[in-house]
Protein backbone atom coordinates (compact mmCIF):
# COMPACT_ATOMS: atom_id res chain seq x y z
CA UNK A 1 103.63 97.48 101.51
CA UNK A 2 102.89 94.01 102.96
CA UNK A 3 99.31 93.05 103.59
CA UNK A 4 98.70 93.13 107.37
CA UNK A 5 97.36 90.10 109.23
CA UNK A 6 93.56 89.76 109.22
CA UNK A 7 92.78 89.10 112.89
CA UNK A 8 89.01 89.29 112.45
CA UNK A 9 89.10 87.06 109.37
CA UNK A 10 91.23 84.53 111.23
CA UNK A 11 88.66 84.29 114.03
CA UNK A 12 85.77 84.04 111.55
CA UNK A 13 87.50 81.21 109.68
CA UNK A 14 88.22 79.33 112.92
CA UNK A 15 84.58 78.24 113.20
CA UNK A 16 81.16 79.58 114.22
CA UNK A 17 81.51 78.61 117.86
CA UNK A 18 84.74 80.52 118.43
CA UNK A 19 83.57 83.56 116.47
CA UNK A 20 80.03 83.82 117.85
CA UNK A 21 81.13 83.34 121.48
CA UNK A 22 83.94 85.89 121.24
CA UNK A 23 83.80 89.65 121.62
CA UNK A 24 84.31 90.16 117.89
CA UNK A 25 80.57 90.36 116.92
CA UNK A 26 80.00 92.98 119.60
CA UNK A 27 83.02 94.96 118.46
CA UNK A 28 81.74 94.85 114.87
CA UNK A 29 78.26 95.94 115.92
CA UNK A 30 79.66 98.85 117.92
CA UNK A 31 81.84 99.80 114.98
CA UNK A 32 78.90 99.81 112.56
CA UNK A 33 76.50 101.59 114.92
CA UNK A 34 78.97 104.44 115.43
CA UNK A 35 79.81 104.35 111.71
CA UNK A 36 76.15 104.80 110.79
CA UNK A 37 75.93 107.96 112.90
CA UNK A 38 79.23 109.28 111.54
CA UNK A 39 78.34 108.34 107.97
CA UNK A 40 75.09 110.26 107.94
CA UNK A 41 76.77 113.25 109.62
CA UNK A 42 79.49 113.25 106.93
CA UNK A 43 76.81 112.92 104.22
CA UNK A 44 74.94 115.93 105.55
CA UNK A 45 78.16 117.97 105.80
CA UNK A 46 79.27 117.09 102.26
CA UNK A 47 75.85 117.84 100.79
CA UNK A 48 75.79 121.25 102.45
CA UNK A 49 79.39 122.17 101.63
CA UNK A 50 79.36 120.96 98.02
CA UNK A 51 75.77 121.94 97.22
CA UNK A 52 75.91 125.41 98.72
CA UNK A 53 79.45 125.85 97.41
CA UNK A 54 78.40 125.16 93.82
CA UNK A 55 75.30 127.37 94.09
CA UNK A 56 77.26 130.26 95.59
CA UNK A 57 80.39 129.87 93.48
CA UNK A 58 79.67 133.11 91.65
CA UNK A 59 79.59 135.03 94.94
CA UNK A 60 83.12 134.03 95.98
CA UNK A 61 82.13 132.20 99.15
CA UNK A 62 81.52 129.05 97.16
CA UNK A 63 85.24 128.47 96.63
CA UNK A 64 85.81 128.53 100.38
CA UNK A 65 83.04 125.99 100.94
CA UNK A 66 84.36 123.69 98.20
CA UNK A 67 87.87 123.93 99.67
CA UNK A 68 86.47 123.05 103.08
CA UNK A 69 84.74 120.04 101.53
CA UNK A 70 88.01 118.93 99.92
CA UNK A 71 89.93 118.93 103.21
CA UNK A 72 87.01 117.59 105.26
CA UNK A 73 88.39 114.11 104.67
CA UNK A 74 91.44 114.93 106.82
CA UNK A 75 89.58 115.04 110.18
CA UNK A 76 87.29 112.24 109.02
CA UNK A 77 90.35 110.12 108.22
CA UNK A 78 91.93 110.87 111.59
CA UNK A 79 88.73 109.86 113.38
CA UNK A 80 88.38 106.71 111.26
CA UNK A 81 91.93 105.60 112.01
CA UNK A 82 91.09 105.77 115.70
CA UNK A 83 87.68 104.12 115.25
CA UNK A 84 89.25 101.22 113.33
CA UNK A 85 90.68 99.98 116.62
CA UNK A 86 87.21 98.52 117.27
CA UNK A 87 87.89 95.83 114.67
CA UNK A 88 91.59 96.11 113.72
CA UNK A 89 94.28 95.57 116.41
CA UNK A 90 97.09 96.84 114.15
CA UNK A 91 96.87 100.64 113.94
CA UNK A 92 96.78 102.47 110.62
CA UNK A 93 99.52 105.10 110.43
CA UNK A 94 98.69 108.66 109.39
CA UNK A 95 99.84 109.42 105.82
CA UNK A 96 100.51 113.12 106.39
CA UNK A 97 103.77 114.81 107.26
CA UNK A 98 103.98 116.92 110.41
CA UNK A 99 103.35 120.67 110.03
CA UNK A 100 104.37 121.95 113.45
CA UNK A 101 104.16 125.73 113.64
CA UNK A 102 102.55 126.12 110.22
CA UNK A 103 99.84 128.72 109.83
CA UNK A 104 96.34 127.92 108.53
CA UNK A 105 97.14 128.94 104.95
CA UNK A 106 100.38 126.94 104.89
CA UNK A 107 98.54 123.95 106.36
CA UNK A 108 95.76 124.25 103.77
CA UNK A 109 98.17 124.66 100.85
CA UNK A 110 100.23 121.63 101.93
CA UNK A 111 97.23 119.40 102.51
CA UNK A 112 95.67 120.22 99.15
CA UNK A 113 98.93 119.18 97.45
CA UNK A 114 99.08 115.81 99.21
CA UNK A 115 97.58 112.77 97.51
CA UNK A 116 96.59 111.40 100.91
CA UNK A 117 94.14 114.30 101.35
CA UNK A 118 92.25 113.32 98.23
CA UNK A 119 92.26 109.65 99.23
CA UNK A 120 90.74 110.65 102.56
CA UNK A 121 88.13 112.74 100.74
CA UNK A 122 87.24 109.65 98.66
CA UNK A 123 86.94 107.58 101.84
CA UNK A 124 84.66 110.21 103.38
CA UNK A 125 82.41 109.88 100.33
CA UNK A 126 82.34 106.10 100.63
CA UNK A 127 81.58 106.37 104.34
CA UNK A 128 78.68 108.69 103.59
CA UNK A 129 77.01 106.72 100.79
CA UNK A 130 78.16 103.10 101.30
CA UNK A 131 79.57 102.16 104.68
CA UNK A 132 77.32 104.40 106.78
CA UNK A 133 74.04 103.08 105.31
CA UNK A 134 75.39 99.51 105.33
CA UNK A 135 76.32 99.87 108.99
CA UNK A 136 72.84 101.24 109.68
CA UNK A 137 71.37 98.14 108.00
CA UNK A 138 73.45 95.82 110.23
CA UNK A 139 72.37 97.82 113.29
CA UNK A 140 68.68 97.56 112.30
CA UNK A 141 69.04 93.80 111.77
CA UNK A 142 70.66 93.48 115.19
CA UNK A 143 67.95 95.53 116.91
CA UNK A 144 65.13 93.62 115.22
CA UNK A 145 66.73 90.28 116.11
CA UNK A 146 67.07 91.29 119.76
CA UNK A 147 63.38 92.27 119.79
CA UNK A 148 62.44 88.85 118.39
CA UNK A 149 64.61 87.05 120.94
CA UNK A 150 62.74 88.83 123.71
CA UNK A 151 59.28 87.90 122.29
CA UNK A 152 58.21 85.54 125.16
CA UNK A 153 59.15 88.14 127.78
CA UNK A 154 57.36 90.87 125.83
CA UNK A 155 54.19 88.75 125.49
CA UNK A 156 54.22 88.00 129.21
CA UNK A 157 54.94 91.62 130.20
CA UNK A 158 52.17 93.30 128.16
CA UNK A 159 49.42 90.68 128.68
CA UNK A 160 46.46 90.86 128.20
CA UNK A 161 47.44 93.05 125.24
CA UNK A 162 48.53 91.07 122.21
CA UNK A 163 51.73 90.86 120.17
CA UNK A 164 51.67 90.09 116.45
CA UNK A 165 54.82 88.75 114.79
CA UNK A 166 52.83 88.07 111.62
CA UNK A 167 50.25 90.70 110.62
CA UNK A 168 46.78 89.58 111.57
CA UNK A 169 47.98 86.74 113.81
CA UNK A 170 48.40 87.39 117.53
CA UNK A 171 50.85 85.42 119.67
CA UNK A 172 48.72 83.56 122.20
CA UNK A 173 51.31 83.20 124.93
CA UNK A 174 55.01 83.06 125.91
CA UNK A 175 55.41 79.48 124.65
CA UNK A 176 54.22 80.42 121.18
CA UNK A 177 56.60 83.35 121.34
CA UNK A 178 59.53 80.91 121.35
CA UNK A 179 59.19 80.79 117.58
CA UNK A 180 60.07 84.46 117.51
CA UNK A 181 63.05 83.73 119.79
CA UNK A 182 64.31 81.12 117.34
CA UNK A 183 63.97 83.55 114.44
CA UNK A 184 65.75 86.19 116.49
CA UNK A 185 68.69 83.88 117.21
CA UNK A 186 69.03 83.18 113.49
CA UNK A 187 68.94 86.92 112.91
CA UNK A 188 71.68 87.46 115.50
CA UNK A 189 73.93 84.95 113.73
CA UNK A 190 73.21 86.66 110.42
CA UNK A 191 73.92 90.07 111.97
CA UNK A 192 77.20 88.77 113.44
CA UNK A 193 78.50 87.47 110.12
CA UNK A 194 77.15 90.42 108.15
CA UNK A 195 78.87 92.77 110.59
CA UNK A 196 82.11 90.79 110.41
CA UNK A 197 82.22 90.67 106.61
CA UNK A 198 81.34 94.35 106.29
CA UNK A 199 83.97 95.27 108.90
CA UNK A 200 86.66 93.30 107.05
CA UNK A 201 85.77 95.07 103.79
CA UNK A 202 85.82 98.46 105.46
CA UNK A 203 89.18 97.76 107.10
CA UNK A 204 90.70 96.88 103.73
CA UNK A 205 89.34 100.03 102.12
CA UNK A 206 90.45 102.14 105.08
CA UNK A 207 93.99 100.76 104.91
CA UNK A 208 94.08 101.43 101.17
CA UNK A 209 92.78 105.01 101.37
CA UNK A 210 93.68 106.23 104.86
CA UNK A 211 97.13 104.71 105.35
CA UNK A 212 100.52 105.79 103.98
CA UNK A 213 101.77 104.61 100.60
CA UNK A 214 105.17 104.09 99.08
CA UNK A 215 104.86 107.11 96.79
CA UNK A 216 104.67 109.39 99.82
CA UNK A 217 108.15 110.84 100.33
CA UNK A 218 107.79 110.53 104.09
CA UNK A 219 107.07 106.82 103.88
CA UNK A 220 109.96 106.27 101.47
CA UNK A 221 112.38 107.96 103.85
CA UNK A 222 110.94 105.94 106.73
CA UNK A 223 111.62 102.76 104.75
CA UNK A 224 115.23 103.81 104.18
CA UNK A 225 115.60 104.62 107.88
CA UNK A 226 114.26 101.19 108.80
CA UNK A 227 116.80 99.51 106.52
CA UNK A 228 119.64 101.51 108.07
CA UNK A 229 118.36 100.70 111.55
CA UNK A 230 118.20 96.97 110.79
CA UNK A 231 121.75 97.00 109.41
CA UNK A 232 123.06 98.91 112.42
CA UNK A 233 121.28 96.56 114.82
CA UNK A 234 122.72 93.46 113.14
CA UNK A 235 126.24 94.94 113.11
CA UNK A 236 126.01 95.74 116.82
CA UNK A 237 124.64 92.28 117.56
CA UNK A 238 127.56 90.63 115.73
CA UNK A 239 130.06 92.81 117.61
CA UNK A 240 128.60 91.91 121.01
CA UNK A 241 128.47 88.22 120.11
CA UNK A 242 132.07 88.27 118.87
CA UNK A 243 133.31 90.09 121.98
CA UNK A 244 131.52 87.67 124.30
CA UNK A 245 132.75 84.62 122.41
CA UNK A 246 136.36 85.65 121.83
CA UNK A 247 136.87 87.73 124.96
CA UNK A 248 134.86 86.93 128.07
CA UNK A 249 134.31 83.24 127.29
CA UNK A 250 137.98 82.57 126.61
CA UNK A 251 139.01 84.38 129.78
CA UNK A 252 136.57 82.34 131.86
CA UNK A 253 137.87 79.12 130.29
CA UNK A 254 141.45 80.14 131.12
CA UNK A 255 140.40 81.09 134.67
CA UNK A 256 138.72 77.72 135.18
CA UNK A 257 141.83 75.87 133.97
CA UNK A 258 144.10 77.96 136.20
CA UNK A 259 141.90 77.31 139.23
CA UNK A 260 141.90 73.60 138.39
CA UNK A 261 145.71 73.51 138.35
CA UNK A 262 145.84 75.46 141.62
CA UNK A 263 143.37 73.05 143.21
CA UNK A 264 145.51 70.06 142.15
CA UNK A 265 148.63 71.61 143.67
CA UNK A 266 146.89 72.49 146.93
CA UNK A 267 145.36 69.04 147.31
CA UNK A 268 148.85 67.66 147.90
CA UNK A 269 149.50 70.05 150.81
CA UNK A 270 147.75 68.92 154.04
CA UNK A 271 147.93 72.39 155.59
CA UNK A 272 146.20 73.97 152.59
CA UNK A 273 143.02 71.88 152.63
CA UNK A 274 140.82 74.89 153.39
CA UNK A 275 142.42 76.91 150.59
CA UNK A 276 141.96 74.00 148.19
CA UNK A 277 138.27 73.92 149.07
CA UNK A 278 137.93 77.65 148.36
CA UNK A 279 139.74 77.26 145.05
CA UNK A 280 137.43 74.36 144.15
CA UNK A 281 134.42 76.52 144.96
CA UNK A 282 135.79 79.35 142.84
CA UNK A 283 136.35 76.93 139.97
CA UNK A 284 132.74 75.76 140.22
CA UNK A 285 131.47 79.33 140.17
CA UNK A 286 133.66 80.08 137.13
CA UNK A 287 132.14 77.07 135.33
CA UNK A 288 128.65 78.27 136.24
CA UNK A 289 129.42 81.78 134.96
CA UNK A 290 130.79 80.26 131.75
CA UNK A 291 127.60 78.21 131.27
CA UNK A 292 125.43 81.29 131.85
CA UNK A 293 127.52 83.30 129.41
CA UNK A 294 127.18 80.59 126.77
CA UNK A 295 123.41 80.60 127.28
CA UNK A 296 123.46 84.38 126.87
CA UNK A 297 125.42 84.15 123.62
CA UNK A 298 123.05 81.44 122.39
CA UNK A 299 120.11 83.69 123.24
CA UNK A 300 121.60 86.61 121.32
CA UNK A 301 121.95 84.52 118.19
CA UNK A 302 121.93 80.71 118.42
CA UNK A 303 124.52 78.96 116.28
CA UNK A 304 121.96 76.46 115.01
CA UNK A 305 120.03 79.37 113.48
CA UNK A 306 123.11 80.43 111.52
CA UNK A 307 124.05 76.89 110.48
CA UNK A 308 120.69 75.23 109.79
CA UNK A 309 118.01 77.91 109.64
CA UNK A 310 114.76 78.85 111.34
CA UNK A 311 113.05 75.44 111.41
CA UNK A 312 115.98 73.72 113.15
CA UNK A 313 116.42 76.55 115.67
CA UNK A 314 112.72 76.54 116.62
CA UNK A 315 112.73 72.73 116.90
CA UNK A 316 115.63 72.96 119.34
CA UNK A 317 113.76 75.52 121.49
CA UNK A 318 110.63 73.34 121.41
CA UNK A 319 112.54 70.37 122.80
CA UNK A 320 113.60 72.39 125.86
CA UNK A 321 110.20 74.00 126.42
CA UNK A 322 108.26 72.92 129.56
CA UNK A 323 104.96 72.80 127.61
CA UNK A 324 104.58 70.32 124.71
CA UNK A 325 105.18 72.19 121.45
CA UNK A 326 104.15 71.04 117.98
CA UNK A 327 106.30 72.57 115.25
CA UNK A 328 105.14 72.76 111.64
CA UNK A 329 107.58 75.04 109.83
CA UNK A 330 107.90 74.58 106.10
CA UNK A 331 110.29 77.41 105.32
CA UNK A 332 113.50 77.64 103.27
CA UNK A 333 116.60 79.57 104.30
CA UNK A 334 115.66 83.23 104.60
CA UNK A 335 117.62 86.50 104.80
CA UNK A 336 119.38 86.74 108.15
CA UNK A 337 117.34 89.69 109.54
CA UNK A 338 114.11 87.86 108.70
CA UNK A 339 115.27 84.61 110.33
CA UNK A 340 116.46 86.40 113.46
CA UNK A 341 113.21 88.36 113.85
CA UNK A 342 111.11 85.25 113.26
CA UNK A 343 113.16 83.24 115.75
CA UNK A 344 112.80 85.80 118.52
CA UNK A 345 109.09 86.16 117.78
CA UNK A 346 108.64 82.44 118.38
CA UNK A 347 110.81 82.36 121.50
CA UNK A 348 108.97 85.35 123.00
CA UNK A 349 105.60 83.72 122.33
CA UNK A 350 106.77 80.41 123.83
CA UNK A 351 108.16 82.17 126.90
CA UNK A 352 104.86 83.97 127.47
CA UNK A 353 102.93 80.72 127.03
CA UNK A 354 105.07 79.00 129.67
CA UNK A 355 104.90 81.88 132.17
CA UNK A 356 101.40 83.25 131.91
CA UNK A 357 98.95 81.22 129.84
CA UNK A 358 98.54 77.96 131.77
CA UNK A 359 98.51 76.20 128.40
CA UNK A 360 98.77 72.43 127.99
CA UNK A 361 100.04 72.57 124.41
CA UNK A 362 101.45 75.07 121.94
CA UNK A 363 101.48 74.97 118.13
CA UNK A 364 104.02 76.76 115.96
CA UNK A 365 103.25 76.96 112.23
CA UNK A 366 104.96 78.88 109.47
CA UNK A 367 104.90 79.16 105.69
CA UNK A 368 106.38 81.34 102.97
CA UNK A 369 103.98 82.40 100.21
CA UNK A 370 104.25 85.21 97.68
CA UNK A 371 107.43 86.50 99.26
CA UNK A 372 105.86 86.75 102.74
CA UNK A 373 106.82 84.73 105.82
CA UNK A 374 103.78 84.01 107.98
CA UNK A 375 104.22 82.63 111.50
CA UNK A 376 101.50 81.68 113.98
CA UNK A 377 102.10 80.58 117.57
CA UNK A 378 98.88 79.34 119.21
CA UNK A 379 98.33 78.03 122.74
CA UNK A 380 95.22 76.65 124.44
CA UNK A 381 95.71 78.69 127.61
CA UNK A 382 93.40 81.01 129.48
CA UNK A 383 93.85 83.96 127.12
CA UNK A 384 93.45 87.57 128.13
CA UNK A 385 96.99 88.55 127.10
CA UNK A 386 97.57 92.31 126.88
CA UNK A 387 100.37 93.21 124.43
CA UNK A 388 100.70 96.67 125.98
CA UNK A 389 101.23 95.35 129.52
CA UNK A 390 104.86 94.27 129.06
CA UNK A 391 107.99 95.29 127.22
CA UNK A 392 108.51 91.91 125.53
CA UNK A 393 105.74 92.02 122.95
CA UNK A 394 106.01 95.78 122.53
CA UNK A 395 109.72 95.49 121.72
CA UNK A 396 108.99 92.59 119.42
CA UNK A 397 106.39 94.64 117.55
CA UNK A 398 109.00 97.36 116.98
CA UNK A 399 111.48 94.76 115.76
CA UNK A 400 108.95 93.32 113.31
CA UNK A 401 107.99 96.82 112.14
CA UNK A 402 111.64 97.52 111.35
CA UNK A 403 111.33 94.92 108.58
CA UNK A 404 108.01 96.40 107.41
CA UNK A 405 106.16 93.47 108.93
CA UNK A 406 103.16 93.13 111.21
CA UNK A 407 102.59 91.50 114.58
CA UNK A 408 99.04 90.86 115.83
CA UNK A 409 98.06 89.23 119.12
CA UNK A 410 94.58 87.71 119.41
CA UNK A 411 93.86 86.61 122.97
CA UNK A 412 90.17 86.64 124.01
CA UNK A 413 89.42 85.80 127.62
CA UNK A 414 89.18 82.03 127.86
CA UNK A 415 91.63 81.54 125.01
CA UNK A 416 93.09 80.53 122.75
CA UNK A 417 95.94 82.99 122.29
CA UNK A 418 97.50 83.45 118.86
CA UNK A 419 100.58 85.50 118.07
CA UNK A 420 100.76 86.09 114.34
CA UNK A 421 103.77 87.57 112.52
CA UNK A 422 104.04 88.48 108.85
CA UNK A 423 107.38 89.66 107.49
CA UNK A 424 108.33 90.23 103.84
CA UNK A 425 111.21 87.92 102.97
CA UNK A 426 113.00 90.67 101.14
CA UNK A 427 113.51 92.41 104.49
């Protein structure tokens, strides 16, 4: 399956100022603080279930406890997939098939046969012994740094009692405590980057162990269904485009010509001046309807996209856009479904930038590497875009998912907004 976009990594690579002043460090800290609590709870549960299960295996109850330990990763995985939304905008799908109406024994038998259950058990172990303690370390570093930052206030508040940052050396006053504040700020930066790097690593592991894989029969059938859906969508699109072009457009052209001939005949009759004016008005409305219909057909599938490819089609849209658009697309000709999806991703992002962002410039960049098309549309607007607030981006996400791609929107308040699309070029 294609590697999903790394929204957190993109923000971290954009520079310290953008990363440190965004909400991402706080989201990472919250993720690790909750992960530390969950990790130690999972560790305690596994120790009890496995330890007591092994010791009591001869009594019969041990097998039940070991079975419970084996499937304990299922609820842990479900909780982790929800908790990942702290640091990963793109959700991780559940790898299990639905078991509606199944009894407890049927559920248990099915889950023990699924590879995903054992991957989730492995993740639960990693959470207990690796990610939980690491998250606790990040949380301790954060707490200690916040205490240091507040050193001058603490010294002032507890005077005449003393505060010692270095054993045996008391801080004489709030001004001397500024050294502790400086050390605390350095600690906060370290905690931010440590939290971000650890969160990125945990997201990758979670996607590997908690998400669906190709060998799962359910995922394979879903892939086949997506291919059939893409083919059906493209066939319907071609039919609509052909009907509009060969049917409605030709009829409107014929109507406009007929009205033009009628107008010419009526102009020569003095008593029919009013009728000639009405015919002229009808001809103008027919021309306007024809222009709107041509725009509609162009919006369904622009001819320049078919003839010259994605880069030329996006360049044409950029020329008509009310906000200055810089286009940097270094892409070859791609399979038609990929080009169409990429084109509409760009046009949707540009439309949103013009309507809602208040941006003064927009950048469109795209590359193909290792069989993956990557597009990024970035504007310098006010940010705060909510992908779930409108049907445009939600529908676009479904369209990208049909090709087994990913769409991620990063739009912190204050901007910038980035819409990032990754689609495998094989479709």
